[in-house]
Amino acid sequence: MKLMIASDIHGSAYYCGKMLECYKKENADKLILLGDILYHGPRNDLPKEYAPKKVIEMLNNIKKEVLCVRGNCDTEVDQMVLEFPILADYAFLYWREKMVYITHGHVHNLKNLPMLKKGDILLNGHTHIPACEIFEDYIYINPGSVSIPKENSEHSYIILEDNELLFKNLDGKIYKKVSFEQLEF
């Protein structure tokens, strides 16, 4: 199974469109969204082509292909217009015998870990900074942000397939590759 993982669209029709172009080119089986879909939030400037209604339409068109968790900018009113579930605080995925705890990152994060056992993966967005770090007992992965990257990072997403994790920019160029073997303890 091939998964595309993205986060923090923040209502940008421009970057949502670029993300969906990548999703189509990647021919992924599912799109995992790590929250902050429609609203830009009070701490962020408006992203390019801020148009939440267009983002709603684009994402509803692929509603059966999306797995989403709730971001700190996502609310019940957003759920009223999006035709796929967005209000779960977390989800689980199993990849290569590792449990992946999927969340946005505003509650569970590096400073407030969920219940993880040795070798589990914490996957979240929220910081807008891509990361893949191995800690003593767990692995931390963050795809960065589709629309508002921070700390000079790229507009990015992750492809998770078979034996590797590919960090890509919205031009589809790989800027970091991590093999499953590199994530072993």
N, C-alpha and C. Protein backbone atom coordinates (compact mmCIF):
# COMPACT_ATOMS: atom_id res chain seq x y z
N MET A 1 0.84 -1.19 0.00
CA MET A 1 0.00 0.00 0.00
C MET A 1 0.88 1.24 0.00
N LYS A 2 0.49 2.20 -0.80
CA LYS A 2 1.21 3.46 -0.90
C LYS A 2 0.37 4.56 -0.27
N LEU A 3 0.95 5.26 0.71
CA LEU A 3 0.24 6.33 1.41
C LEU A 3 0.93 7.67 1.18
N MET A 4 0.12 8.71 0.99
CA MET A 4 0.64 10.07 0.96
C MET A 4 0.20 10.75 2.25
N ILE A 5 1.14 11.41 2.92
CA ILE A 5 0.87 12.05 4.20
C ILE A 5 1.15 13.54 4.06
N ALA A 6 0.16 14.37 4.44
CA ALA A 6 0.32 15.82 4.33
C ALA A 6 -0.36 16.49 5.53
N SER A 7 0.01 17.73 5.76
CA SER A 7 -0.55 18.44 6.91
C SER A 7 -0.63 19.94 6.63
N ASP A 8 -1.50 20.58 7.38
CA ASP A 8 -1.53 22.05 7.45
C ASP A 8 -1.75 22.73 6.11
N ILE A 9 -2.90 22.45 5.50
CA ILE A 9 -3.31 23.12 4.26
C ILE A 9 -3.75 24.55 4.56
N HIS A 10 -4.41 24.75 5.68
CA HIS A 10 -4.83 26.07 6.17
C HIS A 10 -5.63 26.87 5.15
N GLY A 11 -6.49 26.21 4.40
CA GLY A 11 -7.42 26.91 3.51
C GLY A 11 -6.84 27.40 2.20
N SER A 12 -5.63 27.02 1.87
CA SER A 12 -5.01 27.48 0.62
C SER A 12 -5.46 26.60 -0.55
N ALA A 13 -6.28 27.18 -1.42
CA ALA A 13 -6.73 26.45 -2.60
C ALA A 13 -5.54 26.18 -3.53
N TYR A 14 -4.62 27.10 -3.59
CA TYR A 14 -3.45 26.93 -4.44
C TYR A 14 -2.63 25.71 -4.01
N TYR A 15 -2.26 25.65 -2.73
CA TYR A 15 -1.42 24.55 -2.27
C TYR A 15 -2.19 23.24 -2.12
N CYS A 16 -3.48 23.32 -1.86
CA CYS A 16 -4.29 22.11 -1.85
C CYS A 16 -4.32 21.52 -3.26
N GLY A 17 -4.48 22.37 -4.25
CA GLY A 17 -4.46 21.91 -5.64
C GLY A 17 -3.14 21.27 -6.01
N LYS A 18 -2.02 21.90 -5.60
CA LYS A 18 -0.70 21.33 -5.87
C LYS A 18 -0.54 19.98 -5.17
N MET A 19 -1.03 19.90 -3.91
CA MET A 19 -0.96 18.66 -3.16
C MET A 19 -1.74 17.56 -3.87
N LEU A 20 -2.94 17.88 -4.34
CA LEU A 20 -3.77 16.88 -5.02
C LEU A 20 -3.18 16.47 -6.37
N GLU A 21 -2.50 17.38 -7.05
CA GLU A 21 -1.78 17.01 -8.28
C GLU A 21 -0.71 15.97 -7.95
N CYS A 22 0.01 16.20 -6.85
CA CYS A 22 1.04 15.24 -6.42
C CYS A 22 0.40 13.90 -6.05
N TYR A 23 -0.71 13.96 -5.35
CA TYR A 23 -1.42 12.75 -4.94
C TYR A 23 -1.78 11.91 -6.17
N LYS A 24 -2.29 12.59 -7.19
CA LYS A 24 -2.67 11.88 -8.42
C LYS A 24 -1.44 11.30 -9.12
N LYS A 25 -0.37 12.07 -9.23
CA LYS A 25 0.86 11.60 -9.87
C LYS A 25 1.48 10.45 -9.10
N GLU A 26 1.41 10.51 -7.78
CA GLU A 26 2.00 9.47 -6.94
C GLU A 26 1.21 8.16 -7.04
N ASN A 27 -0.06 8.26 -7.45
CA ASN A 27 -0.94 7.10 -7.53
C ASN A 27 -1.01 6.38 -6.17
N ALA A 28 -1.13 7.19 -5.12
CA ALA A 28 -1.22 6.65 -3.76
C ALA A 28 -2.60 6.05 -3.52
N ASP A 29 -2.66 5.11 -2.58
CA ASP A 29 -3.93 4.46 -2.24
C ASP A 29 -4.79 5.29 -1.30
N LYS A 30 -4.13 6.04 -0.42
CA LYS A 30 -4.84 6.88 0.56
C LYS A 30 -4.06 8.16 0.78
N LEU A 31 -4.80 9.22 1.14
CA LEU A 31 -4.22 10.49 1.54
C LEU A 31 -4.48 10.66 3.02
N ILE A 32 -3.43 10.71 3.82
CA ILE A 32 -3.57 10.94 5.25
C ILE A 32 -3.32 12.42 5.51
N LEU A 33 -4.33 13.10 6.06
CA LEU A 33 -4.21 14.52 6.38
C LEU A 33 -4.10 14.67 7.90
N LEU A 34 -3.10 15.41 8.33
CA LEU A 34 -2.83 15.56 9.76
C LEU A 34 -3.42 16.84 10.34
N GLY A 35 -4.51 17.31 9.78
CA GLY A 35 -5.26 18.42 10.36
C GLY A 35 -4.91 19.81 9.84
N ASP A 36 -5.66 20.79 10.38
CA ASP A 36 -5.59 22.19 9.97
C ASP A 36 -5.85 22.33 8.48
N ILE A 37 -7.08 22.01 8.13
CA ILE A 37 -7.47 21.93 6.72
C ILE A 37 -7.96 23.26 6.14
N LEU A 38 -8.94 23.89 6.80
CA LEU A 38 -9.62 25.03 6.19
C LEU A 38 -9.23 26.40 6.73
N TYR A 39 -8.98 26.52 8.01
CA TYR A 39 -8.76 27.83 8.63
C TYR A 39 -7.26 28.09 8.76
N HIS A 40 -6.85 29.33 8.55
CA HIS A 40 -5.42 29.66 8.60
C HIS A 40 -4.90 29.84 10.02
N GLY A 41 -5.80 30.09 10.97
CA GLY A 41 -5.38 30.25 12.37
C GLY A 41 -4.91 31.67 12.66
N PRO A 42 -5.00 32.08 13.91
CA PRO A 42 -4.65 33.46 14.27
C PRO A 42 -3.15 33.74 14.27
N ARG A 43 -2.32 32.71 14.29
CA ARG A 43 -0.86 32.93 14.34
C ARG A 43 -0.22 32.94 12.96
N ASN A 44 -0.98 32.55 11.94
CA ASN A 44 -0.44 32.46 10.59
C ASN A 44 -0.97 33.58 9.71
N ASP A 45 -0.13 34.02 8.78
CA ASP A 45 -0.62 34.93 7.74
C ASP A 45 -1.51 34.12 6.80
N LEU A 46 -2.33 34.82 6.02
CA LEU A 46 -3.15 34.12 5.04
C LEU A 46 -2.24 33.44 4.02
N PRO A 47 -2.49 32.16 3.75
CA PRO A 47 -1.67 31.49 2.73
C PRO A 47 -2.11 31.92 1.34
N LYS A 48 -1.28 31.59 0.36
CA LYS A 48 -1.57 31.92 -1.03
C LYS A 48 -2.92 31.34 -1.45
N GLU A 49 -3.74 32.19 -2.10
CA GLU A 49 -5.08 31.81 -2.56
C GLU A 49 -5.91 31.18 -1.44
N TYR A 50 -6.02 31.89 -0.34
CA TYR A 50 -6.85 31.43 0.78
C TYR A 50 -8.30 31.39 0.32
N ALA A 51 -8.84 30.19 0.18
CA ALA A 51 -10.20 30.00 -0.33
C ALA A 51 -10.75 28.69 0.22
N PRO A 52 -11.14 28.67 1.49
CA PRO A 52 -11.61 27.43 2.12
C PRO A 52 -12.73 26.74 1.34
N LYS A 53 -13.64 27.48 0.72
CA LYS A 53 -14.73 26.83 -0.03
C LYS A 53 -14.20 26.01 -1.20
N LYS A 54 -13.14 26.48 -1.84
CA LYS A 54 -12.54 25.70 -2.93
C LYS A 54 -11.84 24.46 -2.38
N VAL A 55 -11.19 24.61 -1.21
CA VAL A 55 -10.52 23.46 -0.58
C VAL A 55 -11.57 22.40 -0.22
N ILE A 56 -12.70 22.84 0.30
CA ILE A 56 -13.80 21.92 0.64
C ILE A 56 -14.18 21.10 -0.59
N GLU A 57 -14.42 21.79 -1.69
CA GLU A 57 -14.83 21.11 -2.93
C GLU A 57 -13.77 20.13 -3.41
N MET A 58 -12.50 20.55 -3.40
CA MET A 58 -11.43 19.68 -3.88
C MET A 58 -11.31 18.42 -3.03
N LEU A 59 -11.36 18.57 -1.71
CA LEU A 59 -11.19 17.41 -0.84
C LEU A 59 -12.43 16.53 -0.81
N ASN A 60 -13.61 17.13 -0.89
CA ASN A 60 -14.83 16.30 -0.94
C ASN A 60 -14.87 15.43 -2.19
N ASN A 61 -14.21 15.87 -3.25
CA ASN A 61 -14.16 15.08 -4.48
C ASN A 61 -13.37 13.78 -4.32
N ILE A 62 -12.52 13.69 -3.28
CA ILE A 62 -11.76 12.46 -3.04
C ILE A 62 -12.05 11.90 -1.64
N LYS A 63 -13.22 12.18 -1.13
CA LYS A 63 -13.57 11.86 0.26
C LYS A 63 -13.35 10.40 0.65
N LYS A 64 -13.50 9.48 -0.27
CA LYS A 64 -13.32 8.06 0.06
C LYS A 64 -11.85 7.66 0.14
N GLU A 65 -10.96 8.57 -0.23
CA GLU A 65 -9.53 8.28 -0.23
C GLU A 65 -8.79 8.97 0.91
N VAL A 66 -9.52 9.68 1.79
CA VAL A 66 -8.89 10.50 2.83
C VAL A 66 -9.07 9.89 4.21
N LEU A 67 -7.97 9.88 4.96
CA LEU A 67 -8.00 9.60 6.39
C LEU A 67 -7.48 10.87 7.05
N CYS A 68 -8.23 11.42 8.00
CA CYS A 68 -7.88 12.72 8.56
C CYS A 68 -8.01 12.72 10.07
N VAL A 69 -7.13 13.46 10.73
CA VAL A 69 -7.26 13.72 12.16
C VAL A 69 -7.47 15.22 12.34
N ARG A 70 -7.99 15.58 13.50
CA ARG A 70 -8.35 16.98 13.80
C ARG A 70 -7.12 17.79 14.19
N GLY A 71 -7.00 18.96 13.57
CA GLY A 71 -5.98 19.92 13.96
C GLY A 71 -6.55 20.95 14.92
N ASN A 72 -5.69 21.76 15.49
CA ASN A 72 -6.16 22.78 16.43
C ASN A 72 -7.00 23.86 15.76
N CYS A 73 -6.96 23.97 14.43
CA CYS A 73 -7.78 24.94 13.71
C CYS A 73 -9.04 24.31 13.11
N ASP A 74 -9.27 23.03 13.35
CA ASP A 74 -10.43 22.34 12.79
C ASP A 74 -11.54 22.26 13.84
N THR A 75 -12.79 22.51 13.41
CA THR A 75 -13.92 22.54 14.35
C THR A 75 -15.11 21.78 13.79
N GLU A 76 -16.15 21.73 14.61
CA GLU A 76 -17.38 21.05 14.21
C GLU A 76 -18.00 21.69 12.97
N VAL A 77 -17.87 22.99 12.83
CA VAL A 77 -18.45 23.65 11.66
C VAL A 77 -17.72 23.21 10.38
N ASP A 78 -16.42 22.92 10.50
CA ASP A 78 -15.68 22.39 9.34
C ASP A 78 -16.21 21.01 8.97
N GLN A 79 -16.52 20.21 10.00
CA GLN A 79 -17.05 18.87 9.75
C GLN A 79 -18.40 18.93 9.04
N MET A 80 -19.14 20.00 9.26
CA MET A 80 -20.45 20.14 8.61
C MET A 80 -20.33 20.28 7.10
N VAL A 81 -19.18 20.76 6.60
CA VAL A 81 -19.03 20.97 5.17
C VAL A 81 -18.11 19.96 4.50
N LEU A 82 -17.29 19.28 5.28
CA LEU A 82 -16.42 18.25 4.72
C LEU A 82 -17.11 16.90 4.83
N GLU A 83 -17.06 16.11 3.78
CA GLU A 83 -17.82 14.87 3.70
C GLU A 83 -17.02 13.63 4.10
N PHE A 84 -15.96 13.82 4.85
CA PHE A 84 -15.17 12.73 5.41
C PHE A 84 -14.85 13.12 6.85
N PRO A 85 -14.66 12.16 7.72
CA PRO A 85 -14.43 12.47 9.14
C PRO A 85 -13.13 13.25 9.36
N ILE A 86 -13.22 14.32 10.16
CA ILE A 86 -12.04 15.14 10.46
C ILE A 86 -11.84 15.37 11.96
N LEU A 87 -12.74 14.90 12.80
CA LEU A 87 -12.69 15.30 14.21
C LEU A 87 -12.04 14.29 15.15
N ALA A 88 -11.48 13.22 14.63
CA ALA A 88 -10.77 12.27 15.49
C ALA A 88 -9.46 12.91 15.95
N ASP A 89 -9.16 12.80 17.24
CA ASP A 89 -7.92 13.38 17.76
C ASP A 89 -6.70 12.56 17.36
N TYR A 90 -6.92 11.29 17.06
CA TYR A 90 -5.81 10.43 16.67
C TYR A 90 -6.33 9.23 15.90
N ALA A 91 -5.41 8.55 15.25
CA ALA A 91 -5.71 7.31 14.54
C ALA A 91 -4.47 6.43 14.65
N PHE A 92 -4.64 5.16 14.35
CA PHE A 92 -3.52 4.22 14.36
C PHE A 92 -3.36 3.60 12.99
N LEU A 93 -2.13 3.31 12.67
CA LEU A 93 -1.78 2.65 11.43
C LEU A 93 -0.65 1.69 11.76
N TYR A 94 -0.62 0.55 11.13
CA TYR A 94 0.48 -0.38 11.34
C TYR A 94 1.28 -0.47 10.05
N TRP A 95 2.58 -0.19 10.16
CA TRP A 95 3.48 -0.19 9.02
C TRP A 95 4.70 -1.02 9.38
N ARG A 96 4.92 -2.09 8.62
CA ARG A 96 6.09 -2.94 8.83
C ARG A 96 6.24 -3.35 10.30
N GLU A 97 5.15 -3.77 10.89
CA GLU A 97 5.10 -4.24 12.27
C GLU A 97 5.37 -3.14 13.31
N LYS A 98 5.28 -1.89 12.88
CA LYS A 98 5.41 -0.77 13.81
C LYS A 98 4.05 -0.09 13.92
N MET A 99 3.70 0.30 15.15
CA MET A 99 2.46 1.05 15.34
C MET A 99 2.77 2.53 15.10
N VAL A 100 1.96 3.16 14.24
CA VAL A 100 2.10 4.58 13.95
C VAL A 100 0.93 5.29 14.61
N TYR A 101 1.25 6.19 15.54
CA TYR A 101 0.24 7.00 16.23
C TYR A 101 0.12 8.29 15.42
N ILE A 102 -1.04 8.48 14.79
CA ILE A 102 -1.28 9.62 13.90
C ILE A 102 -2.08 10.68 14.65
N THR A 103 -1.57 11.89 14.70
CA THR A 103 -2.25 12.99 15.38
C THR A 103 -1.79 14.31 14.77
N HIS A 104 -2.44 15.40 15.13
CA HIS A 104 -2.03 16.69 14.58
C HIS A 104 -0.75 17.19 15.24
N GLY A 105 -0.67 17.09 16.55
CA GLY A 105 0.54 17.51 17.24
C GLY A 105 0.33 18.63 18.24
N HIS A 106 -0.87 19.18 18.33
CA HIS A 106 -1.09 20.25 19.29
C HIS A 106 -1.36 19.71 20.70
N VAL A 107 -1.74 18.45 20.81
CA VAL A 107 -1.93 17.82 22.12
C VAL A 107 -0.80 16.83 22.37
N HIS A 108 -0.73 15.81 21.55
CA HIS A 108 0.37 14.84 21.68
C HIS A 108 1.49 15.21 20.72
N ASN A 109 2.68 15.33 21.27
CA ASN A 109 3.84 15.78 20.51
C ASN A 109 5.11 15.37 21.26
N LEU A 110 6.23 15.91 20.87
CA LEU A 110 7.50 15.54 21.51
C LEU A 110 7.56 15.91 22.99
N LYS A 111 6.81 16.94 23.39
CA LYS A 111 6.81 17.36 24.79
C LYS A 111 5.71 16.69 25.61
N ASN A 112 4.76 16.07 24.94
CA ASN A 112 3.65 15.38 25.61
C ASN A 112 3.32 14.13 24.81
N LEU A 113 4.12 13.09 25.03
CA LEU A 113 3.99 11.87 24.24
C LEU A 113 2.72 11.09 24.55
N PRO A 114 2.12 10.48 23.52
CA PRO A 114 1.04 9.53 23.79
C PRO A 114 1.68 8.24 24.32
N MET A 115 0.85 7.27 24.62
CA MET A 115 1.36 5.98 25.11
C MET A 115 2.00 5.24 23.93
N LEU A 116 3.31 5.21 23.92
CA LEU A 116 4.06 4.54 22.88
C LEU A 116 4.93 3.46 23.51
N LYS A 117 5.08 2.35 22.82
CA LYS A 117 6.04 1.35 23.29
C LYS A 117 7.30 1.45 22.42
N LYS A 118 8.34 0.82 22.84
CA LYS A 118 9.61 0.90 22.14
C LYS A 118 9.43 0.52 20.67
N GLY A 119 9.89 1.40 19.80
CA GLY A 119 9.82 1.18 18.36
C GLY A 119 8.62 1.80 17.68
N ASP A 120 7.62 2.28 18.43
CA ASP A 120 6.45 2.93 17.83
C ASP A 120 6.85 4.25 17.17
N ILE A 121 5.95 4.71 16.31
CA ILE A 121 6.18 5.95 15.57
C ILE A 121 5.11 6.98 15.95
N LEU A 122 5.56 8.19 16.26
CA LEU A 122 4.67 9.32 16.46
C LEU A 122 4.70 10.13 15.17
N LEU A 123 3.55 10.24 14.51
CA LEU A 123 3.42 10.97 13.25
C LEU A 123 2.50 12.15 13.49
N ASN A 124 3.03 13.36 13.35
CA ASN A 124 2.18 14.54 13.49
C ASN A 124 2.66 15.70 12.63
N GLY A 125 1.78 16.67 12.47
CA GLY A 125 2.09 17.90 11.74
C GLY A 125 2.26 19.02 12.75
N HIS A 126 1.48 20.08 12.61
CA HIS A 126 1.36 21.20 13.55
C HIS A 126 2.54 22.15 13.56
N THR A 127 3.76 21.66 13.57
CA THR A 127 4.93 22.55 13.67
C THR A 127 5.29 23.19 12.33
N HIS A 128 4.81 22.62 11.25
CA HIS A 128 5.12 23.08 9.89
C HIS A 128 6.59 22.86 9.53
N ILE A 129 7.25 21.96 10.26
CA ILE A 129 8.67 21.68 10.05
C ILE A 129 8.84 20.17 9.82
N PRO A 130 9.34 19.76 8.66
CA PRO A 130 9.54 18.33 8.41
C PRO A 130 10.57 17.74 9.38
N ALA A 131 10.35 16.47 9.76
CA ALA A 131 11.29 15.83 10.68
C ALA A 131 11.19 14.32 10.56
N CYS A 132 12.30 13.68 10.83
CA CYS A 132 12.37 12.23 11.00
C CYS A 132 13.51 11.99 11.98
N GLU A 133 13.14 11.72 13.22
CA GLU A 133 14.14 11.58 14.28
C GLU A 133 13.92 10.27 15.03
N ILE A 134 15.02 9.62 15.34
CA ILE A 134 14.95 8.39 16.14
C ILE A 134 15.38 8.74 17.56
N PHE A 135 14.48 8.51 18.49
CA PHE A 135 14.77 8.72 19.90
C PHE A 135 15.03 7.36 20.56
N GLU A 136 15.32 7.37 21.82
CA GLU A 136 15.67 6.13 22.51
C GLU A 136 14.59 5.06 22.39
N ASP A 137 13.32 5.45 22.52
CA ASP A 137 12.25 4.47 22.53
C ASP A 137 11.25 4.58 21.38
N TYR A 138 11.31 5.65 20.62
CA TYR A 138 10.31 5.85 19.57
C TYR A 138 10.91 6.64 18.42
N ILE A 139 10.12 6.74 17.35
CA ILE A 139 10.52 7.47 16.15
C ILE A 139 9.51 8.60 15.94
N TYR A 140 10.01 9.77 15.59
CA TYR A 140 9.15 10.93 15.36
C TYR A 140 9.23 11.33 13.88
N ILE A 141 8.06 11.47 13.25
CA ILE A 141 7.98 11.85 11.84
C ILE A 141 6.98 12.98 11.68
N ASN A 142 7.35 13.99 10.87
CA ASN A 142 6.49 15.13 10.58
C ASN A 142 6.68 15.50 9.11
N PRO A 143 5.59 15.60 8.34
CA PRO A 143 5.73 15.93 6.91
C PRO A 143 5.97 17.40 6.63
N GLY A 144 5.90 18.26 7.65
CA GLY A 144 5.98 19.70 7.41
C GLY A 144 4.61 20.22 7.02
N SER A 145 4.57 21.32 6.29
CA SER A 145 3.30 21.94 5.91
C SER A 145 3.17 22.05 4.40
N VAL A 146 1.96 21.78 3.93
CA VAL A 146 1.65 21.96 2.52
C VAL A 146 1.69 23.43 2.15
N SER A 147 1.09 24.31 2.99
CA SER A 147 0.90 25.70 2.57
C SER A 147 1.73 26.75 3.31
N ILE A 148 2.12 26.48 4.55
CA ILE A 148 2.85 27.50 5.32
C ILE A 148 4.06 26.86 6.00
N PRO A 149 5.08 26.48 5.21
CA PRO A 149 6.26 25.86 5.83
C PRO A 149 7.01 26.87 6.70
N LYS A 150 7.68 26.34 7.72
CA LYS A 150 8.44 27.21 8.63
C LYS A 150 9.90 26.77 8.67
N GLU A 151 10.73 27.66 9.20
CA GLU A 151 12.17 27.44 9.33
C GLU A 151 12.83 27.07 8.00
N ASN A 152 12.46 27.81 6.96
CA ASN A 152 13.05 27.64 5.62
C ASN A 152 12.84 26.25 5.03
N SER A 153 11.82 25.54 5.50
CA SER A 153 11.52 24.23 4.91
C SER A 153 10.68 24.42 3.65
N GLU A 154 10.51 23.33 2.93
CA GLU A 154 9.76 23.37 1.67
C GLU A 154 8.28 23.06 1.90
N HIS A 155 7.44 23.45 0.95
CA HIS A 155 6.05 23.01 0.93
C HIS A 155 6.14 21.51 0.66
N SER A 156 5.70 20.69 1.61
CA SER A 156 6.09 19.28 1.51
C SER A 156 5.03 18.29 1.93
N TYR A 157 5.33 17.03 1.63
CA TYR A 157 4.51 15.88 2.01
C TYR A 157 5.43 14.67 2.10
N ILE A 158 4.86 13.56 2.54
CA ILE A 158 5.62 12.31 2.66
C ILE A 158 4.90 11.22 1.87
N ILE A 159 5.68 10.36 1.25
CA ILE A 159 5.18 9.11 0.67
C ILE A 159 5.70 7.98 1.53
N LEU A 160 4.80 7.14 1.97
CA LEU A 160 5.15 5.96 2.77
C LEU A 160 4.77 4.75 1.92
N GLU A 161 5.79 4.00 1.53
CA GLU A 161 5.54 2.84 0.69
C GLU A 161 6.58 1.77 0.97
N ASP A 162 6.09 0.55 1.11
CA ASP A 162 6.96 -0.60 1.29
C ASP A 162 8.02 -0.36 2.34
N ASN A 163 9.21 -0.15 1.88
CA ASN A 163 10.38 -0.14 2.75
C ASN A 163 10.96 1.25 2.97
N GLU A 164 10.24 2.31 2.55
CA GLU A 164 10.83 3.63 2.69
C GLU A 164 9.83 4.74 2.89
N LEU A 165 10.40 5.82 3.38
CA LEU A 165 9.70 7.06 3.64
C LEU A 165 10.35 8.11 2.75
N LEU A 166 9.59 8.75 1.89
CA LEU A 166 10.14 9.76 0.99
C LEU A 166 9.57 11.12 1.34
N PHE A 167 10.42 12.06 1.68
CA PHE A 167 10.02 13.45 1.90
C PHE A 167 10.14 14.16 0.56
N LYS A 168 9.03 14.77 0.11
CA LYS A 168 9.01 15.41 -1.20
C LYS A 168 8.46 16.83 -1.10
N ASN A 169 8.92 17.68 -2.01
CA ASN A 169 8.32 19.01 -2.11
C ASN A 169 7.15 18.93 -3.09
N LEU A 170 6.42 20.02 -3.23
CA LEU A 170 5.23 19.99 -4.09
C LEU A 170 5.54 19.98 -5.58
N ASP A 171 6.82 19.93 -5.92
CA ASP A 171 7.21 19.68 -7.31
C ASP A 171 7.47 18.19 -7.49
N GLY A 172 7.30 17.40 -6.42
CA GLY A 172 7.50 15.96 -6.48
C GLY A 172 8.95 15.53 -6.32
N LYS A 173 9.83 16.47 -6.02
CA LYS A 173 11.25 16.14 -5.87
C LYS A 173 11.54 15.62 -4.47
N ILE A 174 12.25 14.52 -4.41
CA ILE A 174 12.64 13.93 -3.13
C ILE A 174 13.76 14.77 -2.53
N TYR A 175 13.59 15.21 -1.29
CA TYR A 175 14.68 15.91 -0.62
C TYR A 175 15.22 15.14 0.58
N LYS A 176 14.52 14.05 0.94
CA LYS A 176 15.03 13.18 2.00
C LYS A 176 14.41 11.80 1.83
N LYS A 177 15.25 10.78 1.95
CA LYS A 177 14.79 9.40 1.84
C LYS A 177 15.24 8.65 3.09
N VAL A 178 14.30 7.92 3.70
CA VAL A 178 14.61 7.13 4.89
C VAL A 178 14.12 5.71 4.65
N SER A 179 15.02 4.76 4.75
CA SER A 179 14.62 3.35 4.57
C SER A 179 14.14 2.79 5.90
N PHE A 180 13.35 1.76 5.82
CA PHE A 180 12.84 1.11 7.03
C PHE A 180 13.99 0.65 7.92
N GLU A 181 15.06 0.16 7.31
CA GLU A 181 16.21 -0.30 8.08
C GLU A 181 16.82 0.80 8.92
N GLN A 182 16.76 2.06 8.43
CA GLN A 182 17.29 3.18 9.19
C GLN A 182 16.44 3.49 10.42
N LEU A 183 15.23 2.96 10.45
CA LEU A 183 14.33 3.22 11.58
C LEU A 183 14.33 2.08 12.59
N GLU A 184 15.26 1.17 12.43
CA GLU A 184 15.36 0.04 13.37
C GLU A 184 16.15 0.45 14.60
N PHE A 185 15.82 -0.20 15.72
CA PHE A 185 16.54 0.06 16.97
C PHE A 185 17.63 -0.98 17.15
